[in-house]
Amino acid sequence: MTPIRFPDDLLDLQAAWLRTYADLARSPAHAGTTPLRRRLITLSCAIAAHPFWTVPGRSTATRVELRRRARTRTWATAA
């Protein structure tokens, strides 16, 4: 199986999505979370509309791999 090469900007978008989701999860229920929720929606749309997904053969497994790699990248930059 050939390794998937994700564009850096797509990895950056997914890493930003993961950070935003973590920020939202840490926010108290009474805190104003609307900006974080809006950012998640914006990032989700940008990820879904990225030209990378126009290539035939991209699957759910590819999206899972994107999240895994972005998570690894996020942890590496946080350390």
N, C-alpha and C. Protein backbone atom coordinates (compact mmCIF):
# COMPACT_ATOMS: atom_id res chain seq x y z
N MET A 1 0.84 -1.18 0.00
CA MET A 1 0.00 0.00 0.00
C MET A 1 0.88 1.24 0.00
N THR A 2 0.60 2.16 -0.90
CA THR A 2 1.37 3.40 -1.00
C THR A 2 0.96 4.36 0.11
N PRO A 3 1.94 4.94 0.82
CA PRO A 3 1.59 5.90 1.86
C PRO A 3 0.87 7.11 1.27
N ILE A 4 -0.07 7.62 2.00
CA ILE A 4 -0.84 8.78 1.55
C ILE A 4 -0.03 10.04 1.84
N ARG A 5 0.07 10.90 0.85
CA ARG A 5 0.77 12.17 1.04
C ARG A 5 -0.28 13.27 1.14
N PHE A 6 -0.44 13.80 2.34
CA PHE A 6 -1.40 14.87 2.56
C PHE A 6 -0.72 16.22 2.35
N PRO A 7 -1.40 17.17 1.73
CA PRO A 7 -0.84 18.51 1.60
C PRO A 7 -0.68 19.14 2.99
N ASP A 8 0.36 19.94 3.14
CA ASP A 8 0.61 20.59 4.43
C ASP A 8 -0.56 21.45 4.89
N ASP A 9 -1.20 22.16 3.95
CA ASP A 9 -2.30 23.03 4.37
C ASP A 9 -3.49 22.21 4.88
N LEU A 10 -3.71 21.03 4.34
CA LEU A 10 -4.79 20.17 4.83
C LEU A 10 -4.45 19.63 6.22
N LEU A 11 -3.21 19.25 6.42
CA LEU A 11 -2.79 18.81 7.76
C LEU A 11 -2.91 19.95 8.77
N ASP A 12 -2.56 21.16 8.35
CA ASP A 12 -2.69 22.31 9.24
C ASP A 12 -4.15 22.58 9.61
N LEU A 13 -5.04 22.46 8.63
CA LEU A 13 -6.47 22.65 8.90
C LEU A 13 -6.97 21.61 9.90
N GLN A 14 -6.59 20.36 9.69
CA GLN A 14 -7.04 19.30 10.59
C GLN A 14 -6.46 19.48 11.99
N ALA A 15 -5.21 19.89 12.08
CA ALA A 15 -4.59 20.14 13.39
C ALA A 15 -5.30 21.29 14.10
N ALA A 16 -5.66 22.34 13.37
CA ALA A 16 -6.40 23.46 13.95
C ALA A 16 -7.77 22.99 14.43
N TRP A 17 -8.41 22.10 13.66
CA TRP A 17 -9.71 21.56 14.05
C TRP A 17 -9.57 20.79 15.37
N LEU A 18 -8.53 19.97 15.49
CA LEU A 18 -8.32 19.19 16.71
C LEU A 18 -8.06 20.09 17.92
N ARG A 19 -7.26 21.14 17.72
CA ARG A 19 -6.99 22.08 18.82
C ARG A 19 -8.26 22.80 19.23
N THR A 20 -9.05 23.24 18.27
CA THR A 20 -10.29 23.96 18.56
C THR A 20 -11.27 23.04 19.29
N TYR A 21 -11.38 21.80 18.84
CA TYR A 21 -12.26 20.84 19.49
C TYR A 21 -11.83 20.62 20.94
N ALA A 22 -10.53 20.51 21.18
CA ALA A 22 -10.02 20.32 22.54
C ALA A 22 -10.33 21.54 23.40
N ASP A 23 -10.18 22.73 22.82
CA ASP A 23 -10.52 23.96 23.56
C ASP A 23 -12.00 23.98 23.93
N LEU A 24 -12.83 23.57 23.00
CA LEU A 24 -14.27 23.53 23.25
C LEU A 24 -14.59 22.51 24.34
N ALA A 25 -13.95 21.37 24.31
CA ALA A 25 -14.19 20.33 25.32
C ALA A 25 -13.77 20.78 26.71
N ARG A 26 -12.76 21.63 26.79
CA ARG A 26 -12.29 22.13 28.09
C ARG A 26 -13.11 23.30 28.61
N SER A 27 -13.94 23.90 27.77
CA SER A 27 -14.71 25.07 28.17
C SER A 27 -15.87 24.68 29.07
N PRO A 28 -16.09 25.46 30.13
CA PRO A 28 -17.25 25.18 30.99
C PRO A 28 -18.55 25.37 30.21
N ALA A 29 -19.58 24.67 30.64
CA ALA A 29 -20.86 24.71 29.94
C ALA A 29 -21.43 26.12 29.87
N HIS A 30 -21.19 26.93 30.86
CA HIS A 30 -21.76 28.28 30.92
C HIS A 30 -20.91 29.31 30.18
N ALA A 31 -19.74 28.90 29.72
CA ALA A 31 -18.85 29.82 29.00
C ALA A 31 -19.39 30.07 27.59
N GLY A 32 -19.07 31.21 27.05
CA GLY A 32 -19.50 31.52 25.68
C GLY A 32 -18.68 30.70 24.69
N THR A 33 -19.26 29.65 24.18
CA THR A 33 -18.54 28.76 23.27
C THR A 33 -18.89 28.99 21.81
N THR A 34 -19.71 29.97 21.54
CA THR A 34 -20.14 30.21 20.16
C THR A 34 -18.96 30.43 19.21
N PRO A 35 -17.96 31.25 19.57
CA PRO A 35 -16.83 31.42 18.64
C PRO A 35 -16.10 30.11 18.32
N LEU A 36 -15.95 29.26 19.33
CA LEU A 36 -15.28 27.97 19.09
C LEU A 36 -16.13 27.08 18.19
N ARG A 37 -17.43 27.07 18.41
CA ARG A 37 -18.32 26.26 17.58
C ARG A 37 -18.32 26.76 16.13
N ARG A 38 -18.31 28.06 15.97
CA ARG A 38 -18.25 28.64 14.62
C ARG A 38 -16.93 28.30 13.94
N ARG A 39 -15.86 28.34 14.70
CA ARG A 39 -14.55 27.99 14.13
C ARG A 39 -14.53 26.53 13.69
N LEU A 40 -15.11 25.65 14.50
CA LEU A 40 -15.18 24.24 14.11
C LEU A 40 -15.95 24.06 12.80
N ILE A 41 -17.05 24.77 12.66
CA ILE A 41 -17.83 24.68 11.43
C ILE A 41 -17.02 25.17 10.25
N THR A 42 -16.35 26.31 10.41
CA THR A 42 -15.53 26.87 9.34
C THR A 42 -14.41 25.91 8.94
N LEU A 43 -13.72 25.36 9.94
CA LEU A 43 -12.64 24.42 9.66
C LEU A 43 -13.16 23.14 9.02
N SER A 44 -14.30 22.65 9.49
CA SER A 44 -14.90 21.44 8.91
C SER A 44 -15.21 21.65 7.43
N CYS A 45 -15.76 22.80 7.11
CA CYS A 45 -16.08 23.12 5.71
C CYS A 45 -14.82 23.21 4.86
N ALA A 46 -13.79 23.85 5.41
CA ALA A 46 -12.53 23.99 4.67
C ALA A 46 -11.88 22.63 4.42
N ILE A 47 -11.94 21.75 5.40
CA ILE A 47 -11.38 20.40 5.25
C ILE A 47 -12.17 19.62 4.20
N ALA A 48 -13.48 19.65 4.30
CA ALA A 48 -14.32 18.89 3.38
C ALA A 48 -14.22 19.39 1.94
N ALA A 49 -13.99 20.69 1.76
CA ALA A 49 -13.95 21.28 0.42
C ALA A 49 -12.53 21.33 -0.16
N HIS A 50 -11.56 20.81 0.56
CA HIS A 50 -10.17 20.87 0.09
C HIS A 50 -10.04 20.07 -1.22
N PRO A 51 -9.26 20.58 -2.17
CA PRO A 51 -9.08 19.90 -3.46
C PRO A 51 -8.52 18.47 -3.34
N PHE A 52 -7.87 18.17 -2.26
CA PHE A 52 -7.31 16.82 -2.05
C PHE A 52 -8.39 15.76 -2.21
N TRP A 53 -9.61 16.05 -1.78
CA TRP A 53 -10.68 15.06 -1.79
C TRP A 53 -11.30 14.85 -3.18
N THR A 54 -10.89 15.63 -4.18
CA THR A 54 -11.45 15.46 -5.52
C THR A 54 -10.83 14.28 -6.27
N VAL A 55 -9.72 13.78 -5.78
CA VAL A 55 -9.06 12.63 -6.43
C VAL A 55 -9.88 11.37 -6.15
N PRO A 56 -10.21 10.61 -7.18
CA PRO A 56 -10.96 9.37 -6.96
C PRO A 56 -10.20 8.41 -6.04
N GLY A 57 -10.96 7.69 -5.24
CA GLY A 57 -10.36 6.70 -4.36
C GLY A 57 -10.14 7.17 -2.94
N ARG A 58 -10.42 8.42 -2.66
CA ARG A 58 -10.30 8.90 -1.28
C ARG A 58 -11.47 8.33 -0.49
N SER A 59 -11.19 7.76 0.66
CA SER A 59 -12.22 7.05 1.41
C SER A 59 -12.28 7.54 2.85
N THR A 60 -13.18 6.94 3.59
CA THR A 60 -13.28 7.24 5.01
C THR A 60 -11.97 6.91 5.71
N ALA A 61 -11.33 5.85 5.28
CA ALA A 61 -10.04 5.47 5.88
C ALA A 61 -9.00 6.56 5.66
N THR A 62 -9.08 7.24 4.53
CA THR A 62 -8.15 8.33 4.25
C THR A 62 -8.40 9.48 5.23
N ARG A 63 -9.65 9.75 5.52
CA ARG A 63 -9.98 10.82 6.48
C ARG A 63 -9.50 10.45 7.89
N VAL A 64 -9.62 9.19 8.23
CA VAL A 64 -9.14 8.72 9.54
C VAL A 64 -7.62 8.89 9.62
N GLU A 65 -6.94 8.55 8.55
CA GLU A 65 -5.48 8.70 8.51
C GLU A 65 -5.08 10.17 8.62
N LEU A 66 -5.84 11.06 7.98
CA LEU A 66 -5.59 12.50 8.09
C LEU A 66 -5.67 12.94 9.55
N ARG A 67 -6.71 12.52 10.26
CA ARG A 67 -6.85 12.89 11.66
C ARG A 67 -5.70 12.34 12.50
N ARG A 68 -5.31 11.08 12.22
CA ARG A 68 -4.22 10.47 12.98
C ARG A 68 -2.92 11.25 12.79
N ARG A 69 -2.62 11.59 11.55
CA ARG A 69 -1.37 12.33 11.27
C ARG A 69 -1.42 13.74 11.84
N ALA A 70 -2.56 14.39 11.75
CA ALA A 70 -2.68 15.74 12.30
C ALA A 70 -2.54 15.70 13.82
N ARG A 71 -3.08 14.67 14.45
CA ARG A 71 -2.95 14.52 15.90
C ARG A 71 -1.49 14.34 16.27
N THR A 72 -0.77 13.54 15.53
CA THR A 72 0.66 13.32 15.76
C THR A 72 1.41 14.63 15.60
N ARG A 73 1.07 15.37 14.57
CA ARG A 73 1.72 16.66 14.30
C ARG A 73 1.41 17.66 15.42
N THR A 74 0.19 17.66 15.89
CA THR A 74 -0.22 18.57 16.96
C THR A 74 0.55 18.27 18.25
N TRP A 75 0.65 16.98 18.59
CA TRP A 75 1.38 16.60 19.80
C TRP A 75 2.86 16.91 19.68
N ALA A 76 3.43 16.75 18.49
CA ALA A 76 4.85 17.02 18.29
C ALA A 76 5.15 18.49 18.47
N THR A 77 4.27 19.37 18.00
CA THR A 77 4.52 20.81 18.14
C THR A 77 4.24 21.29 19.54
N ALA A 78 3.40 20.58 20.30
CA ALA A 78 3.07 20.97 21.67
C ALA A 78 4.19 20.59 22.64
N ALA A 79 4.97 19.58 22.27
CA ALA A 79 6.03 19.09 23.17
C ALA A 79 7.24 19.98 23.18
